[in-house]
């Protein structure tokens, strides 16, 4: 696969800590509320191929938030 979304997904996977789920702003908007999932903002990150920092979020089980 190729494209901006695939590249961003790969960059977010690389930025995530083991066991961490990182969402882009676009993904967070698509899933406004997920039952049992807490979404918390993280500091924006700079990634290769993007001129502006990327707004990201962490998704965790609501019992672990």
PDB file of N, CA and C in Angstrom:
ATOM      1  N   UNK A   1       0.837  -1.163   0.000  1.00  0.00           N
ATOM      2  CA  UNK A   1       0.000   0.000   0.000  1.00  0.00           C
ATOM      3  C   UNK A   1       0.890   1.237   0.000  1.00  0.00           C
ATOM      4  N   UNK A   2       0.352   2.311  -0.567  1.00  0.00           N
ATOM      5  CA  UNK A   2       1.056   3.574  -0.581  1.00  0.00           C
ATOM      6  C   UNK A   2       0.073   4.699  -0.307  1.00  0.00           C
ATOM      7  N   UNK A   3       0.591   5.840   0.026  1.00  0.00           N
ATOM      8  CA  UNK A   3      -0.247   7.018   0.231  1.00  0.00           C
ATOM      9  C   UNK A   3       0.027   7.686   1.557  1.00  0.00           C
ATOM     10  N   UNK A   4      -0.520   8.891   1.694  1.00  0.00           N
ATOM     11  CA  UNK A   4      -0.293   9.684   2.905  1.00  0.00           C
ATOM     12  C   UNK A   4      -0.799   8.988   4.164  1.00  0.00           C
ATOM     13  N   UNK A   5      -1.992   8.407   4.110  1.00  0.00           N
ATOM     14  CA  UNK A   5      -2.564   7.760   5.301  1.00  0.00           C
ATOM     15  C   UNK A   5      -1.713   6.575   5.746  1.00  0.00           C
ATOM     16  N   UNK A   6      -1.215   5.808   4.799  1.00  0.00           N
ATOM     17  CA  UNK A   6      -0.371   4.659   5.123  1.00  0.00           C
ATOM     18  C   UNK A   6       0.948   5.139   5.726  1.00  0.00           C
ATOM     19  N   UNK A   7       1.539   6.167   5.144  1.00  0.00           N
ATOM     20  CA  UNK A   7       2.786   6.714   5.683  1.00  0.00           C
ATOM     21  C   UNK A   7       2.596   7.233   7.100  1.00  0.00           C
ATOM     22  N   UNK A   8       1.510   7.977   7.329  1.00  0.00           N
ATOM     23  CA  UNK A   8       1.255   8.505   8.669  1.00  0.00           C
ATOM     24  C   UNK A   8       1.034   7.361   9.650  1.00  0.00           C
ATOM     25  N   UNK A   9       0.305   6.353   9.250  1.00  0.00           N
ATOM     26  CA  UNK A   9       0.088   5.189  10.116  1.00  0.00           C
ATOM     27  C   UNK A   9       1.401   4.543  10.527  1.00  0.00           C
ATOM     28  N   UNK A  10       2.317   4.401   9.569  1.00  0.00           N
ATOM     29  CA  UNK A  10       3.626   3.817   9.872  1.00  0.00           C
ATOM     30  C   UNK A  10       4.398   4.704  10.832  1.00  0.00           C
ATOM     31  N   UNK A  11       4.332   6.012  10.654  1.00  0.00           N
ATOM     32  CA  UNK A  11       5.050   6.941  11.540  1.00  0.00           C
ATOM     33  C   UNK A  11       4.480   6.900  12.956  1.00  0.00           C
ATOM     34  N   UNK A  12       3.144   6.814  13.069  1.00  0.00           N
ATOM     35  CA  UNK A  12       2.522   6.741  14.391  1.00  0.00           C
ATOM     36  C   UNK A  12       2.865   5.428  15.085  1.00  0.00           C
ATOM     37  N   UNK A  13       2.908   4.337  14.333  1.00  0.00           N
ATOM     38  CA  UNK A  13       3.316   3.050  14.913  1.00  0.00           C
ATOM     39  C   UNK A  13       4.731   3.139  15.462  1.00  0.00           C
ATOM     40  N   UNK A  14       5.600   3.794  14.717  1.00  0.00           N
ATOM     41  CA  UNK A  14       6.993   3.943  15.150  1.00  0.00           C
ATOM     42  C   UNK A  14       7.112   4.828  16.388  1.00  0.00           C
ATOM     43  N   UNK A  15       6.218   5.806  16.522  1.00  0.00           N
ATOM     44  CA  UNK A  15       6.267   6.735  17.652  1.00  0.00           C
ATOM     45  C   UNK A  15       5.645   6.150  18.918  1.00  0.00           C
ATOM     46  N   UNK A  16       4.802   5.132  18.777  1.00  0.00           N
ATOM     47  CA  UNK A  16       4.096   4.558  19.922  1.00  0.00           C
ATOM     48  C   UNK A  16       5.032   3.711  20.777  1.00  0.00           C
ATOM     49  N   UNK A  17       4.810   3.793  22.067  1.00  0.00           N
ATOM     50  CA  UNK A  17       5.529   2.932  23.006  1.00  0.00           C
ATOM     51  C   UNK A  17       4.928   1.517  22.922  1.00  0.00           C
ATOM     52  N   UNK A  18       5.639   0.502  23.409  1.00  0.00           N
ATOM     53  CA  UNK A  18       5.070  -0.844  23.403  1.00  0.00           C
ATOM     54  C   UNK A  18       3.713  -0.877  24.111  1.00  0.00           C
ATOM     55  N   UNK A  19       2.715  -1.430  23.462  1.00  0.00           N
ATOM     56  CA  UNK A  19       1.375  -1.524  24.031  1.00  0.00           C
ATOM     57  C   UNK A  19       0.543  -0.260  23.918  1.00  0.00           C
ATOM     58  N   UNK A  20       1.098   0.814  23.392  1.00  0.00           N
ATOM     59  CA  UNK A  20       0.384   2.081  23.267  1.00  0.00           C
ATOM     60  C   UNK A  20      -0.329   2.163  21.923  1.00  0.00           C
ATOM     61  N   UNK A  21      -1.529   2.730  21.943  1.00  0.00           N
ATOM     62  CA  UNK A  21      -2.298   2.967  20.717  1.00  0.00           C
ATOM     63  C   UNK A  21      -2.371   4.472  20.512  1.00  0.00           C
ATOM     64  N   UNK A  22      -1.852   4.940  19.384  1.00  0.00           N
ATOM     65  CA  UNK A  22      -1.877   6.362  19.056  1.00  0.00           C
ATOM     66  C   UNK A  22      -2.836   6.589  17.896  1.00  0.00           C
ATOM     67  N   UNK A  23      -3.676   7.602  18.043  1.00  0.00           N
ATOM     68  CA  UNK A  23      -4.632   7.975  17.004  1.00  0.00           C
ATOM     69  C   UNK A  23      -4.262   9.335  16.428  1.00  0.00           C
ATOM     70  N   UNK A  24      -4.476   9.494  15.143  1.00  0.00           N
ATOM     71  CA  UNK A  24      -4.332  10.816  14.530  1.00  0.00           C
ATOM     72  C   UNK A  24      -5.607  11.601  14.809  1.00  0.00           C
ATOM     73  N   UNK A  25      -5.569  12.892  14.544  1.00  0.00           N
ATOM     74  CA  UNK A  25      -6.761  13.734  14.715  1.00  0.00           C
ATOM     75  C   UNK A  25      -7.902  13.229  13.845  1.00  0.00           C
ATOM     76  N   UNK A  26      -7.606  12.859  12.625  1.00  0.00           N
ATOM     77  CA  UNK A  26      -8.647  12.374  11.710  1.00  0.00           C
ATOM     78  C   UNK A  26      -9.311  11.109  12.247  1.00  0.00           C
ATOM     79  N   UNK A  27      -8.525  10.198  12.778  1.00  0.00           N
ATOM     80  CA  UNK A  27      -9.082   8.965  13.339  1.00  0.00           C
ATOM     81  C   UNK A  27      -9.899   9.270  14.579  1.00  0.00           C
ATOM     82  N   UNK A  28      -9.403  10.171  15.428  1.00  0.00           N
ATOM     83  CA  UNK A  28     -10.163  10.533  16.630  1.00  0.00           C
ATOM     84  C   UNK A  28     -11.522  11.111  16.263  1.00  0.00           C
ATOM     85  N   UNK A  29     -11.570  11.949  15.243  1.00  0.00           N
ATOM     86  CA  UNK A  29     -12.852  12.522  14.809  1.00  0.00           C
ATOM     87  C   UNK A  29     -13.780  11.442  14.279  1.00  0.00           C
ATOM     88  N   UNK A  30     -13.243  10.465  13.584  1.00  0.00           N
ATOM     89  CA  UNK A  30     -14.069   9.395  13.025  1.00  0.00           C
ATOM     90  C   UNK A  30     -14.689   8.539  14.131  1.00  0.00           C
ATOM     91  N   UNK A  31     -13.990   8.412  15.243  1.00  0.00           N
ATOM     92  CA  UNK A  31     -14.461   7.607  16.366  1.00  0.00           C
ATOM     93  C   UNK A  31     -14.662   8.493  17.576  1.00  0.00           C
ATOM     94  N   UNK A  32     -15.560   9.434  17.490  1.00  0.00           N
ATOM     95  CA  UNK A  32     -15.763  10.410  18.572  1.00  0.00           C
ATOM     96  C   UNK A  32     -15.869   9.758  19.932  1.00  0.00           C
ATOM     97  N   UNK A  33     -16.686   8.726  20.012  1.00  0.00           N
ATOM     98  CA  UNK A  33     -16.838   8.018  21.278  1.00  0.00           C
ATOM     99  C   UNK A  33     -16.807   6.534  21.010  1.00  0.00           C
ATOM    100  N   UNK A  34     -15.946   5.851  21.717  1.00  0.00           N
ATOM    101  CA  UNK A  34     -15.868   4.402  21.632  1.00  0.00           C
ATOM    102  C   UNK A  34     -16.194   3.847  23.008  1.00  0.00           C
ATOM    103  N   UNK A  35     -17.238   3.028  23.127  1.00  0.00           N
ATOM    104  CA  UNK A  35     -17.573   2.468  24.437  1.00  0.00           C
ATOM    105  C   UNK A  35     -16.374   1.740  25.048  1.00  0.00           C
ATOM    106  N   UNK A  36     -16.051   2.076  26.284  1.00  0.00           N
ATOM    107  CA  UNK A  36     -14.959   1.423  26.991  1.00  0.00           C
ATOM    108  C   UNK A  36     -13.579   1.923  26.641  1.00  0.00           C
ATOM    109  N   UNK A  37     -13.501   2.987  25.820  1.00  0.00           N
ATOM    110  CA  UNK A  37     -12.194   3.523  25.415  1.00  0.00           C
ATOM    111  C   UNK A  37     -12.100   4.989  25.815  1.00  0.00           C
ATOM    112  N   UNK A  38     -11.014   5.325  26.485  1.00  0.00           N
ATOM    113  CA  UNK A  38     -10.742   6.720  26.835  1.00  0.00           C
ATOM    114  C   UNK A  38      -9.687   7.241  25.865  1.00  0.00           C
ATOM    115  N   UNK A  39      -9.929   8.429  25.341  1.00  0.00           N
ATOM    116  CA  UNK A  39      -8.987   9.047  24.407  1.00  0.00           C
ATOM    117  C   UNK A  39      -8.446  10.311  25.053  1.00  0.00           C
ATOM    118  N   UNK A  40      -7.127  10.380  25.155  1.00  0.00           N
ATOM    119  CA  UNK A  40      -6.475  11.517  25.809  1.00  0.00           C
ATOM    120  C   UNK A  40      -5.503  12.181  24.839  1.00  0.00           C
ATOM    121  N   UNK A  41      -5.459  13.515  24.841  1.00  0.00           N
ATOM    122  CA  UNK A  41      -4.514  14.206  23.955  1.00  0.00           C
ATOM    123  C   UNK A  41      -3.069  13.963  24.392  1.00  0.00           C
ATOM    124  N   UNK A  42      -2.191  13.913  23.417  1.00  0.00           N
ATOM    125  CA  UNK A  42      -0.752  13.814  23.636  1.00  0.00           C
ATOM    126  C   UNK A  42      -0.101  15.040  23.000  1.00  0.00           C
ATOM    127  N   UNK A  43       1.129  15.338  23.364  1.00  0.00           N
ATOM    128  CA  UNK A  43       1.826  16.437  22.685  1.00  0.00           C
ATOM    129  C   UNK A  43       1.961  16.126  21.186  1.00  0.00           C
ATOM    130  N   UNK A  44       1.805  17.133  20.366  1.00  0.00           N
ATOM    131  CA  UNK A  44       1.964  16.964  18.919  1.00  0.00           C
ATOM    132  C   UNK A  44       3.378  16.481  18.614  1.00  0.00           C
ATOM    133  N   UNK A  45       3.507  15.757  17.506  1.00  0.00           N
ATOM    134  CA  UNK A  45       4.819  15.256  17.104  1.00  0.00           C
ATOM    135  C   UNK A  45       5.117  15.675  15.667  1.00  0.00           C
ATOM    136  N   UNK A  46       6.381  15.781  15.365  1.00  0.00           N
ATOM    137  CA  UNK A  46       6.814  16.034  13.993  1.00  0.00           C
ATOM    138  C   UNK A  46       7.175  14.689  13.374  1.00  0.00           C
ATOM    139  N   UNK A  47       6.718  14.478  12.148  1.00  0.00           N
ATOM    140  CA  UNK A  47       7.028  13.227  11.465  1.00  0.00           C
ATOM    141  C   UNK A  47       7.566  13.520  10.073  1.00  0.00           C
ATOM    142  N   UNK A  48       8.411  12.632   9.609  1.00  0.00           N
ATOM    143  CA  UNK A  48       8.986  12.753   8.276  1.00  0.00           C
ATOM    144  C   UNK A  48       7.862  12.789   7.245  1.00  0.00           C
ATOM    145  N   UNK A  49       7.985  13.696   6.297  1.00  0.00           N
ATOM    146  CA  UNK A  49       7.008  13.790   5.221  1.00  0.00           C
ATOM    147  C   UNK A  49       5.864  14.754   5.483  1.00  0.00           C
ATOM    148  N   UNK A  50       5.783  15.291   6.698  1.00  0.00           N
ATOM    149  CA  UNK A  50       4.736  16.261   7.050  1.00  0.00           C
ATOM    150  C   UNK A  50       5.410  17.554   7.464  1.00  0.00           C
ATOM    151  N   UNK A  51       4.957  18.680   6.906  1.00  0.00           N
ATOM    152  CA  UNK A  51       5.610  19.950   7.262  1.00  0.00           C
ATOM    153  C   UNK A  51       5.157  20.477   8.617  1.00  0.00           C
ATOM    154  N   UNK A  52       3.925  20.181   9.007  1.00  0.00           N
ATOM    155  CA  UNK A  52       3.396  20.647  10.287  1.00  0.00           C
ATOM    156  C   UNK A  52       3.366  19.511  11.301  1.00  0.00           C
ATOM    157  N   UNK A  53       3.479  19.844  12.605  1.00  0.00           N
ATOM    158  CA  UNK A  53       3.356  18.807  13.629  1.00  0.00           C
ATOM    159  C   UNK A  53       1.988  18.114  13.536  1.00  0.00           C
ATOM    160  N   UNK A  54       1.947  16.866  13.934  1.00  0.00           N
ATOM    161  CA  UNK A  54       0.738  16.053  13.876  1.00  0.00           C
ATOM    162  C   UNK A  54       0.105  16.009  15.267  1.00  0.00           C
ATOM    163  N   UNK A  55      -1.171  16.337  15.345  1.00  0.00           N
ATOM    164  CA  UNK A  55      -1.923  16.246  16.597  1.00  0.00           C
ATOM    165  C   UNK A  55      -2.257  14.774  16.812  1.00  0.00           C
ATOM    166  N   UNK A  56      -1.906  14.254  17.996  1.00  0.00           N
ATOM    167  CA  UNK A  56      -2.142  12.840  18.267  1.00  0.00           C
ATOM    168  C   UNK A  56      -2.845  12.644  19.606  1.00  0.00           C
ATOM    169  N   UNK A  57      -3.394  11.452  19.768  1.00  0.00           N
ATOM    170  CA  UNK A  57      -4.131  11.069  20.971  1.00  0.00           C
ATOM    171  C   UNK A  57      -3.743   9.651  21.354  1.00  0.00           C
ATOM    172  N   UNK A  58      -3.885   9.348  22.627  1.00  0.00           N
ATOM    173  CA  UNK A  58      -3.671   8.008  23.125  1.00  0.00           C
ATOM    174  C   UNK A  58      -5.035   7.388  23.414  1.00  0.00           C
ATOM    175  N   UNK A  59      -5.204   6.146  23.022  1.00  0.00           N
ATOM    176  CA  UNK A  59      -6.448   5.419  23.302  1.00  0.00           C
ATOM    177  C   UNK A  59      -6.139   4.280  24.266  1.00  0.00           C
ATOM    178  N   UNK A  60      -6.872   4.237  25.376  1.00  0.00           N
ATOM    179  CA  UNK A  60      -6.681   3.188  26.375  1.00  0.00           C
ATOM    180  C   UNK A  60      -8.031   2.693  26.856  1.00  0.00           C
ATOM    181  N   UNK A  61      -8.052   1.510  27.393  1.00  0.00           N
ATOM    182  CA  UNK A  61      -9.260   0.971  27.998  1.00  0.00           C
ATOM    183  C   UNK A  61      -9.718   1.937  29.074  1.00  0.00           C
ATOM    184  N   UNK A  62     -11.008   2.252  29.110  1.00  0.00           N
ATOM    185  CA  UNK A  62     -11.525   3.236  30.072  1.00  0.00           C
ATOM    186  C   UNK A  62     -11.211   2.845  31.506  1.00  0.00           C
ATOM    187  N   UNK A  63     -11.050   1.577  31.777  1.00  0.00           N
ATOM    188  CA  UNK A  63     -10.682   1.125  33.107  1.00  0.00           C
ATOM    189  C   UNK A  63      -9.246   1.429  33.457  1.00  0.00           C
ATOM    190  N   UNK A  64      -8.424   1.750  32.442  1.00  0.00           N
ATOM    191  CA  UNK A  64      -6.998   2.026  32.672  1.00  0.00           C
ATOM    192  C   UNK A  64      -6.676   3.501  32.554  1.00  0.00           C
ATOM    193  N   UNK A  65      -7.615   4.346  32.156  1.00  0.00           N
ATOM    194  CA  UNK A  65      -7.351   5.777  31.906  1.00  0.00           C
ATOM    195  C   UNK A  65      -7.073   6.524  33.184  1.00  0.00           C
TER     196      UNK A  65
END
